[in-house]
Amino acid sequence: MADPSAILSSWAKQGAVTTAKKTADSVRAALKAWQFPSGVAYDVYLQGSYRNDTNIRGDSDVDVVAELHSTFHHNVAELPVDQQRAFHAAFLNAAYSGSDFRRDVTAALAAYYGASGVDASGNKSITIKARDGYLPADLVPCTTYRHYSRFLEADQSSFVERIRLCTLDGTTVVNFPKRHYDNGCSKSDATGGEYKPTVRVFKNARTWMVENGGLQDGVAPSYFVECLLYNAPSALYVSDYTKSFPAITRSLQHASLDDMLCQNGVTKLFGSGNTQWSVTKAQTLLSSLESLTGRR
């Protein structure tokens, strides 16, 4: 790397955001144009790197969430019997399900973009193909998920909100996009605003290594890179990337990876689950990044 300071500074810059917002607004308009059944209420919002300001140049697909909240899933069966009874007395079983919502969202997108512009075969998401002036989008239909720790009455309960994806095969996948976003903002505050630019540096470094044969493609998806960086000590995030990049890499290499959490602060980063990473792949990434710092 001829001029590491200049290169790392260029890697810290955010990719385009205007087209991502335009794409999300288009999806929002598509659903608004559809006649959903009476009483159906939902929110549409960005998630992923565009939502979290960690997108880099070359990122394409925009991740959009359509969250049904007039119907919600829950874990009430795990509560004591008396609290289960109180819950069922307060809430009736929903007539409109997550699968109904996915069906209607798919129909709304096909009506707006044309059947050829939409691919609904994905298990977790519906793909909206790229058009002039718009990025391709992966829309995730989901329902609100409430994880209750207590339920006495509707206004005397304790729960944490998540989202449950409306998958085609019925697999239960629960995510925390809002907690991921909120924790990223808190980490940014704790690092004087250096967290998100540094995440972009590491994502670009990963991409550079893949393009130059130093890392196999697919070893380090962007989401996992961001979660890994979330676990690095805040004190290491400084504006001089020639210092922070090798310091964070060394810190993570010597850290105990097994107990690390995703940026949502709830899910373990490493494991065999469908939203987890492997320790071996993380170690491969860190070794590649160490070799990159040695080329400076």
Protein backbone atom coordinates (compact mmCIF):
# COMPACT_ATOMS: atom_id res chain seq x y z
CA MET A 1 0.00 0.00 0.00
CA ALA A 2 1.79 3.11 -1.28
CA ASP A 3 0.27 5.72 1.06
CA PRO A 4 -1.53 3.91 3.89
CA SER A 5 -2.90 7.05 5.52
CA ALA A 6 -4.55 8.26 2.31
CA ILE A 7 -5.87 4.82 1.42
CA LEU A 8 -7.33 4.15 4.86
CA SER A 9 -8.91 7.61 4.93
CA SER A 10 -10.53 6.96 1.55
CA TRP A 11 -11.80 3.62 2.85
CA ALA A 12 -13.48 5.40 5.78
CA LYS A 13 -15.78 7.36 3.46
CA GLN A 14 -19.41 6.34 3.23
CA GLY A 15 -20.87 5.05 0.00
CA ALA A 16 -23.83 6.67 -1.75
CA VAL A 17 -26.94 7.11 0.40
CA THR A 18 -29.34 9.12 -1.80
CA THR A 19 -30.14 6.22 -4.13
CA ALA A 20 -30.69 3.89 -1.17
CA LYS A 21 -33.22 6.27 0.37
CA LYS A 22 -34.91 6.69 -3.01
CA THR A 23 -35.16 2.91 -3.32
CA ALA A 24 -36.67 2.52 0.16
CA ASP A 25 -39.15 5.31 -0.55
CA SER A 26 -40.18 3.48 -3.72
CA VAL A 27 -40.86 0.29 -1.75
CA ARG A 28 -42.87 2.30 0.76
CA ALA A 29 -44.95 3.77 -2.08
CA ALA A 30 -45.53 0.31 -3.56
CA LEU A 31 -47.02 -0.99 -0.32
CA LYS A 32 -49.02 2.18 0.29
CA ALA A 33 -50.67 1.74 -3.11
CA TRP A 34 -51.93 -1.72 -2.12
CA GLN A 35 -55.28 -2.26 -0.43
CA PHE A 36 -54.43 -4.28 2.68
CA PRO A 37 -57.28 -5.70 4.77
CA SER A 38 -58.83 -3.30 7.26
CA GLY A 39 -56.86 -3.02 10.50
CA VAL A 40 -53.54 -4.16 9.05
CA ALA A 41 -50.78 -1.82 10.23
CA TYR A 42 -47.10 -2.02 9.35
CA ASP A 43 -43.87 0.00 9.16
CA VAL A 44 -41.33 0.10 6.33
CA TYR A 45 -37.71 1.01 7.13
CA LEU A 46 -34.13 0.46 6.03
CA GLN A 47 -31.90 -2.01 7.81
CA GLY A 48 -28.34 -3.19 7.28
CA SER A 49 -25.39 -1.04 6.24
CA TYR A 50 -27.47 1.72 4.64
CA ARG A 51 -29.52 2.12 7.81
CA ASN A 52 -26.43 1.99 10.02
CA ASP A 53 -24.28 4.36 7.92
CA THR A 54 -21.65 1.67 7.38
CA ASN A 55 -22.22 1.15 3.66
CA ILE A 56 -19.19 1.39 1.42
CA ARG A 57 -18.70 2.14 -2.25
CA GLY A 58 -19.74 -0.91 -4.23
CA ASP A 59 -22.51 -1.96 -1.84
CA SER A 60 -25.59 -2.51 -3.97
CA ASP A 61 -28.57 -4.34 -2.49
CA VAL A 62 -30.64 -2.26 -0.11
CA ASP A 63 -32.12 -4.16 2.84
CA VAL A 64 -35.67 -3.02 3.61
CA VAL A 65 -37.94 -4.30 6.39
CA ALA A 66 -41.74 -4.40 6.18
CA GLU A 67 -42.80 -5.06 9.76
CA LEU A 68 -46.39 -6.04 10.52
CA HIS A 69 -47.26 -4.76 14.00
CA SER A 70 -51.04 -5.09 14.13
CA THR A 71 -50.27 -8.80 14.56
CA PHE A 72 -47.39 -9.95 16.74
CA HIS A 73 -45.73 -13.19 17.82
CA HIS A 74 -44.69 -13.86 21.40
CA ASN A 75 -43.21 -16.31 23.91
CA VAL A 76 -46.15 -16.25 26.32
CA ALA A 77 -46.15 -20.07 26.53
CA GLU A 78 -42.95 -19.74 28.56
CA LEU A 79 -44.65 -17.66 31.28
CA PRO A 80 -46.41 -19.03 34.39
CA VAL A 81 -49.91 -20.36 33.72
CA ASP A 82 -51.69 -17.48 35.47
CA GLN A 83 -49.81 -14.96 33.31
CA GLN A 84 -50.66 -16.94 30.18
CA ARG A 85 -54.33 -16.74 31.11
CA ALA A 86 -54.04 -12.99 31.68
CA PHE A 87 -52.43 -12.55 28.26
CA HIS A 88 -55.10 -14.54 26.41
CA ALA A 89 -57.81 -12.60 28.24
CA ALA A 90 -56.24 -9.36 27.00
CA PHE A 91 -55.51 -10.37 23.39
CA LEU A 92 -57.54 -12.35 20.90
CA ASN A 93 -55.85 -14.67 18.41
CA ALA A 94 -55.00 -12.73 15.26
CA ALA A 95 -56.98 -13.51 12.13
CA TYR A 96 -54.28 -12.05 9.87
CA SER A 97 -50.97 -13.95 10.00
CA GLY A 98 -47.41 -13.35 8.96
CA SER A 99 -47.88 -15.62 5.94
CA ASP A 100 -50.91 -13.53 4.94
CA PHE A 101 -48.76 -10.42 5.20
CA ARG A 102 -45.99 -11.91 3.05
CA ARG A 103 -48.59 -12.93 0.44
CA ASP A 104 -50.05 -9.41 0.30
CA VAL A 105 -46.63 -7.72 0.27
CA THR A 106 -45.59 -9.95 -2.65
CA ALA A 107 -48.78 -9.07 -4.54
CA ALA A 108 -48.31 -5.36 -3.81
CA LEU A 109 -44.76 -5.39 -5.16
CA ALA A 110 -45.72 -7.34 -8.29
CA ALA A 111 -48.59 -4.92 -8.97
CA TYR A 112 -46.29 -1.92 -8.60
CA TYR A 113 -43.10 -3.13 -10.29
CA GLY A 114 -44.49 -5.85 -12.56
CA ALA A 115 -44.18 -9.57 -11.99
CA SER A 116 -40.83 -9.69 -13.83
CA GLY A 117 -39.39 -7.07 -11.50
CA VAL A 118 -39.92 -9.14 -8.36
CA ASP A 119 -38.47 -12.47 -7.22
CA ALA A 120 -40.39 -13.91 -4.25
CA SER A 121 -38.62 -17.28 -4.18
CA GLY A 122 -36.21 -16.38 -1.38
CA ASN A 123 -36.92 -18.04 1.95
CA LYS A 124 -36.37 -14.89 4.03
CA SER A 125 -36.70 -11.99 1.63
CA ILE A 126 -38.33 -10.79 -1.57
CA THR A 127 -35.97 -9.34 -4.17
CA ILE A 128 -36.91 -6.22 -6.10
CA LYS A 129 -34.72 -5.98 -9.16
CA ALA A 130 -32.69 -2.90 -10.02
CA ARG A 131 -34.16 -0.18 -12.25
CA ASP A 132 -32.69 3.01 -13.67
CA GLY A 133 -32.00 5.33 -10.75
CA TYR A 134 -32.81 2.66 -8.15
CA LEU A 135 -30.76 0.00 -6.39
CA PRO A 136 -31.90 -3.62 -6.12
CA ALA A 137 -33.63 -4.26 -2.80
CA ASP A 138 -34.14 -7.24 -0.55
CA LEU A 139 -37.40 -6.71 1.31
CA VAL A 140 -37.87 -8.73 4.50
CA PRO A 141 -41.53 -9.27 5.45
CA CYS A 142 -41.78 -9.84 9.20
CA THR A 143 -43.98 -9.43 12.23
CA THR A 144 -43.27 -7.79 15.55
CA TYR A 145 -42.11 -10.31 18.14
CA ARG A 146 -42.57 -9.59 21.85
CA HIS A 147 -40.36 -11.52 24.26
CA TYR A 148 -42.24 -11.26 27.55
CA SER A 149 -40.65 -11.64 30.96
CA ARG A 150 -43.91 -10.74 32.76
CA PHE A 151 -47.58 -10.28 31.93
CA LEU A 152 -50.13 -9.26 34.56
CA GLU A 153 -52.32 -7.03 32.42
CA ALA A 154 -51.87 -5.27 29.08
CA ASP A 155 -50.47 -2.19 30.84
CA GLN A 156 -48.56 -4.22 33.43
CA SER A 157 -46.17 -6.26 31.37
CA SER A 158 -42.49 -6.36 30.51
CA PHE A 159 -41.21 -7.35 27.09
CA VAL A 160 -38.43 -6.72 24.59
CA GLU A 161 -39.43 -6.19 20.96
CA ARG A 162 -37.76 -8.05 18.13
CA ILE A 163 -38.89 -9.05 14.65
CA ARG A 164 -39.83 -12.51 13.43
CA LEU A 165 -39.25 -13.14 9.73
CA CYS A 166 -42.09 -14.48 7.59
CA THR A 167 -40.12 -17.32 5.98
CA LEU A 168 -41.45 -19.51 3.20
CA ASP A 169 -40.49 -22.75 4.93
CA GLY A 170 -41.88 -21.77 8.31
CA THR A 171 -38.47 -21.59 9.99
CA THR A 172 -38.48 -19.28 13.02
CA VAL A 173 -35.89 -16.52 12.54
CA VAL A 174 -35.85 -13.69 15.08
CA ASN A 175 -33.74 -10.56 14.51
CA PHE A 176 -33.08 -7.28 16.30
CA PRO A 177 -32.54 -4.56 13.64
CA LYS A 178 -33.61 -1.68 15.90
CA ARG A 179 -31.35 -2.79 18.77
CA HIS A 180 -28.51 -3.25 16.27
CA TYR A 181 -29.02 0.32 15.07
CA ASP A 182 -29.36 1.80 18.57
CA ASN A 183 -26.26 0.01 19.86
CA GLY A 184 -24.27 1.16 16.83
CA CYS A 185 -25.24 4.75 17.60
CA SER A 186 -24.19 4.28 21.23
CA LYS A 187 -20.85 2.81 20.15
CA SER A 188 -20.39 5.76 17.80
CA ASP A 189 -21.00 8.17 20.67
CA ALA A 190 -18.57 6.26 22.90
CA THR A 191 -15.83 6.52 20.24
CA GLY A 192 -16.28 10.19 19.42
CA GLY A 193 -17.90 9.33 16.11
CA GLU A 194 -15.06 7.08 14.94
CA TYR A 195 -16.86 3.73 15.13
CA LYS A 196 -18.81 3.80 11.87
CA PRO A 197 -15.99 5.22 9.69
CA THR A 198 -13.68 2.55 11.14
CA VAL A 199 -16.20 -0.18 10.30
CA ARG A 200 -16.14 1.10 6.72
CA VAL A 201 -12.32 0.94 6.74
CA PHE A 202 -12.44 -2.72 7.77
CA LYS A 203 -15.14 -3.58 5.24
CA ASN A 204 -13.11 -1.98 2.45
CA ALA A 205 -9.99 -3.78 3.66
CA ARG A 206 -11.92 -7.05 3.52
CA THR A 207 -13.04 -6.25 -0.03
CA TRP A 208 -9.50 -5.30 -1.06
CA MET A 209 -8.17 -8.60 0.29
CA VAL A 210 -10.84 -10.57 -1.61
CA GLU A 211 -10.15 -8.71 -4.85
CA ASN A 212 -6.40 -9.26 -4.50
CA GLY A 213 -6.51 -12.93 -3.59
CA GLY A 214 -5.78 -12.58 0.11
CA LEU A 215 -9.17 -13.75 1.34
CA GLN A 216 -11.84 -16.04 -0.06
CA ASP A 217 -15.09 -14.34 -0.98
CA GLY A 218 -17.88 -15.08 1.48
CA VAL A 219 -15.67 -15.65 4.51
CA ALA A 220 -16.52 -12.30 6.10
CA PRO A 221 -19.99 -10.92 5.27
CA SER A 222 -20.46 -7.25 6.11
CA TYR A 223 -22.90 -7.88 8.97
CA PHE A 224 -20.39 -10.08 10.80
CA VAL A 225 -17.51 -7.68 10.19
CA GLU A 226 -19.57 -4.92 11.79
CA CYS A 227 -20.51 -7.10 14.76
CA LEU A 228 -16.87 -8.14 15.24
CA LEU A 229 -15.77 -4.49 15.30
CA TYR A 230 -18.52 -3.71 17.83
CA ASN A 231 -16.66 -5.92 20.32
CA ALA A 232 -13.35 -4.02 20.05
CA PRO A 233 -12.53 -1.66 22.95
CA SER A 234 -13.89 1.84 22.33
CA ALA A 235 -10.58 3.44 23.36
CA LEU A 236 -8.91 1.99 20.24
CA TYR A 237 -11.11 4.00 17.87
CA VAL A 238 -9.14 7.10 16.94
CA SER A 239 -9.12 9.34 13.88
CA ASP A 240 -5.65 8.17 12.77
CA TYR A 241 -6.51 4.92 11.01
CA THR A 242 -2.85 3.98 10.64
CA LYS A 243 -2.96 3.55 14.42
CA SER A 244 -6.50 2.28 15.00
CA PHE A 245 -6.55 -0.28 12.17
CA PRO A 246 -3.59 -2.40 13.39
CA ALA A 247 -4.46 -1.83 17.07
CA ILE A 248 -8.03 -3.08 16.64
CA THR A 249 -6.86 -6.01 14.52
CA ARG A 250 -4.34 -7.07 17.19
CA SER A 251 -6.88 -6.60 19.97
CA LEU A 252 -9.43 -8.83 18.27
CA GLN A 253 -6.82 -11.47 17.50
CA HIS A 254 -6.00 -11.78 21.19
CA ALA A 255 -9.60 -11.52 22.41
CA SER A 256 -11.83 -14.42 23.42
CA LEU A 257 -14.10 -14.72 20.42
CA ASP A 258 -16.42 -17.36 21.85
CA ASP A 259 -18.26 -15.01 24.21
CA MET A 260 -18.68 -12.08 21.82
CA LEU A 261 -22.16 -10.75 21.08
CA CYS A 262 -23.65 -9.40 17.87
CA GLN A 263 -24.21 -5.65 17.77
CA ASN A 264 -27.77 -6.25 18.98
CA GLY A 265 -26.24 -7.09 22.37
CA VAL A 266 -28.34 -10.25 22.68
CA THR A 267 -27.28 -12.93 20.19
CA LYS A 268 -23.90 -14.64 20.44
CA LEU A 269 -21.81 -13.73 17.41
CA PHE A 270 -20.32 -17.20 16.99
CA GLY A 271 -22.12 -20.52 16.81
CA SER A 272 -24.02 -22.84 14.50
CA GLY A 273 -27.26 -20.84 14.29
CA ASN A 274 -28.56 -19.36 11.04
CA THR A 275 -27.66 -15.83 12.22
CA GLN A 276 -24.20 -16.71 13.58
CA TRP A 277 -20.63 -16.77 12.27
CA SER A 278 -17.84 -19.31 12.70
CA VAL A 279 -14.76 -18.62 14.82
CA THR A 280 -12.56 -20.14 12.11
CA LYS A 281 -13.80 -17.66 9.51
CA ALA A 282 -13.26 -14.73 11.88
CA GLN A 283 -9.72 -15.89 12.60
CA THR A 284 -9.09 -16.21 8.86
CA LEU A 285 -10.27 -12.63 8.36
CA LEU A 286 -8.10 -11.30 11.20
CA SER A 287 -5.02 -13.12 9.88
CA SER A 288 -5.61 -11.60 6.47
CA LEU A 289 -5.99 -8.13 7.96
CA GLU A 290 -2.79 -8.61 9.94
CA SER A 291 -0.94 -9.47 6.74
CA LEU A 292 -2.39 -6.31 5.19
CA THR A 293 -1.09 -4.12 8.02
CA GLY A 294 2.30 -5.75 7.52
CA ARG A 295 2.35 -4.50 3.89
CA ARG A 296 2.03 -0.86 4.90
